[in-house]
Structures are given as structure tokens and as C-alpha cells.
Amino acid sequence: MTTPLHSDIATLKSEIFAQLGLDPKSPTGQISDKQAAEVLGLKPSTLAVWRSTGRYNLPFVKVGRLVRYRVSDLAAFLARRTADHTGEVC
């Protein structure tokens, strides 16, 4: 039996808050591009390339030069990208 996607997202959100040292009981809705890169194990410049090319469907908020990511969007992105196998049949 598979776990519903929404519970995976809730778990991932909790893990993201813990990784960044944020209090999940008083969560900030958005995090910086540097924090998002840290969560994903990337460089902020990689996220900038993804934003400009549309390589991955990772929503972001931009006001002027300020870029923010919603923790819920990051958790959903990670849930969509989670795989059980590589697709190869042995």
C-alpha cells in the first residue's frame, strides 16, 4: 500500500523546517533562494538557471530582485521527484 502524497508532503515540510533550523509551529511561508538551494543540495546559481530556463516545475515568488520559495512548493517538488527505482528491469 502506498502512502498518500499529501502525507509525504507534510513529512517533507517538517524535514525542511528541521534542516533549516526553523520552528514548524511558527513557520515562515517562504524561504530565500539560498535556503531553497541548501534544502535541495544545489548552488543558488543552479536555481537561477532553472528559473530562467524553466527546466523544472519549481514555483517561486519574485518581487523586484527578491526571490522566495514556498516551503510547501519545495516539499511538493521533492515528493514529485521521489522515485522507487531507476526504471531498469533486471
Protein backbone atom coordinates (compact mmCIF):
# COMPACT_ATOMS: atom_id res chain seq x y z
CA MET A 1 0.00 0.00 0.00
CA THR A 2 1.36 3.43 -0.90
CA THR A 3 1.31 6.46 1.35
CA PRO A 4 -0.89 9.33 0.16
CA LEU A 5 1.07 12.15 -1.46
CA HIS A 6 -0.27 14.78 0.98
CA SER A 7 1.22 12.97 3.97
CA ASP A 8 4.56 12.71 2.14
CA ILE A 9 4.45 16.47 1.58
CA ALA A 10 3.69 17.11 5.25
CA THR A 11 6.64 14.93 6.23
CA LEU A 12 8.91 16.67 3.74
CA LYS A 13 7.83 20.08 5.02
CA SER A 14 8.75 19.04 8.56
CA GLU A 15 12.13 17.79 7.35
CA ILE A 16 12.78 21.07 5.50
CA PHE A 17 11.96 23.14 8.60
CA ALA A 18 14.25 20.94 10.68
CA GLN A 19 17.09 21.12 8.14
CA LEU A 20 16.92 24.92 8.11
CA GLY A 21 16.53 25.17 11.88
CA LEU A 22 13.10 26.79 11.61
CA ASP A 23 10.24 26.27 14.04
CA PRO A 24 7.48 24.31 12.27
CA LYS A 25 4.91 25.58 14.81
CA SER A 26 5.58 29.15 13.72
CA PRO A 27 6.53 28.56 10.11
CA THR A 28 7.58 31.22 7.72
CA GLY A 29 5.69 30.72 4.49
CA GLN A 30 8.66 31.47 2.28
CA ILE A 31 12.40 30.96 2.31
CA SER A 32 15.22 32.57 0.36
CA ASP A 33 16.76 31.12 -2.77
CA LYS A 34 19.90 30.34 -0.75
CA GLN A 35 17.87 28.35 1.79
CA ALA A 36 15.99 26.56 -1.01
CA ALA A 37 19.30 25.64 -2.65
CA GLU A 38 20.54 24.29 0.69
CA VAL A 39 17.44 22.11 1.05
CA LEU A 40 17.88 20.72 -2.46
CA GLY A 41 21.64 20.30 -2.16
CA LEU A 42 22.29 22.73 -5.01
CA LYS A 43 24.02 26.04 -5.56
CA PRO A 44 21.80 29.13 -5.70
CA SER A 45 23.12 29.71 -9.23
CA THR A 46 21.60 26.37 -10.28
CA LEU A 47 18.19 27.54 -9.09
CA ALA A 48 18.70 30.77 -11.03
CA VAL A 49 19.32 28.74 -14.19
CA TRP A 50 16.23 26.62 -13.52
CA ARG A 51 14.15 29.78 -13.08
CA SER A 52 15.39 31.36 -16.29
CA THR A 53 15.12 28.23 -18.44
CA GLY A 54 12.03 26.67 -16.88
CA ARG A 55 13.91 23.38 -16.68
CA TYR A 56 11.92 22.11 -13.70
CA ASN A 57 8.44 22.98 -12.50
CA LEU A 58 9.51 24.57 -9.20
CA PRO A 59 7.30 27.57 -8.45
CA PHE A 60 8.90 30.68 -6.95
CA VAL A 61 7.81 34.15 -5.89
CA LYS A 62 9.62 37.15 -7.30
CA VAL A 63 9.13 40.76 -6.28
CA GLY A 64 11.68 43.01 -7.92
CA ARG A 65 15.03 41.28 -7.41
CA LEU A 66 13.84 39.32 -4.38
CA VAL A 67 13.28 35.60 -4.99
CA ARG A 68 11.48 33.41 -2.47
CA TYR A 69 10.29 29.81 -2.43
CA ARG A 70 7.32 28.46 -0.51
CA VAL A 71 8.24 25.53 1.72
CA SER A 72 5.07 23.76 0.57
CA ASP A 73 6.18 24.13 -3.09
CA LEU A 74 9.62 22.70 -2.27
CA ALA A 75 8.05 19.77 -0.43
CA ALA A 76 5.69 19.08 -3.35
CA PHE A 77 8.60 19.29 -5.80
CA LEU A 78 10.61 16.77 -3.76
CA ALA A 79 7.58 14.47 -3.46
CA ARG A 80 7.10 14.53 -7.25
CA ARG A 81 10.80 13.82 -7.83
CA THR A 82 10.99 10.90 -5.38
CA ALA A 83 11.44 7.56 -7.16
CA ASP A 84 11.33 3.95 -6.03
CA HIS A 85 13.65 2.69 -8.75
CA THR A 86 15.65 3.79 -11.77
CA GLY A 87 13.28 2.22 -14.25
CA GLU A 88 15.70 -0.51 -15.28
CA VAL A 89 14.46 -4.10 -15.25
CA CYS A 90 16.93 -6.73 -14.11
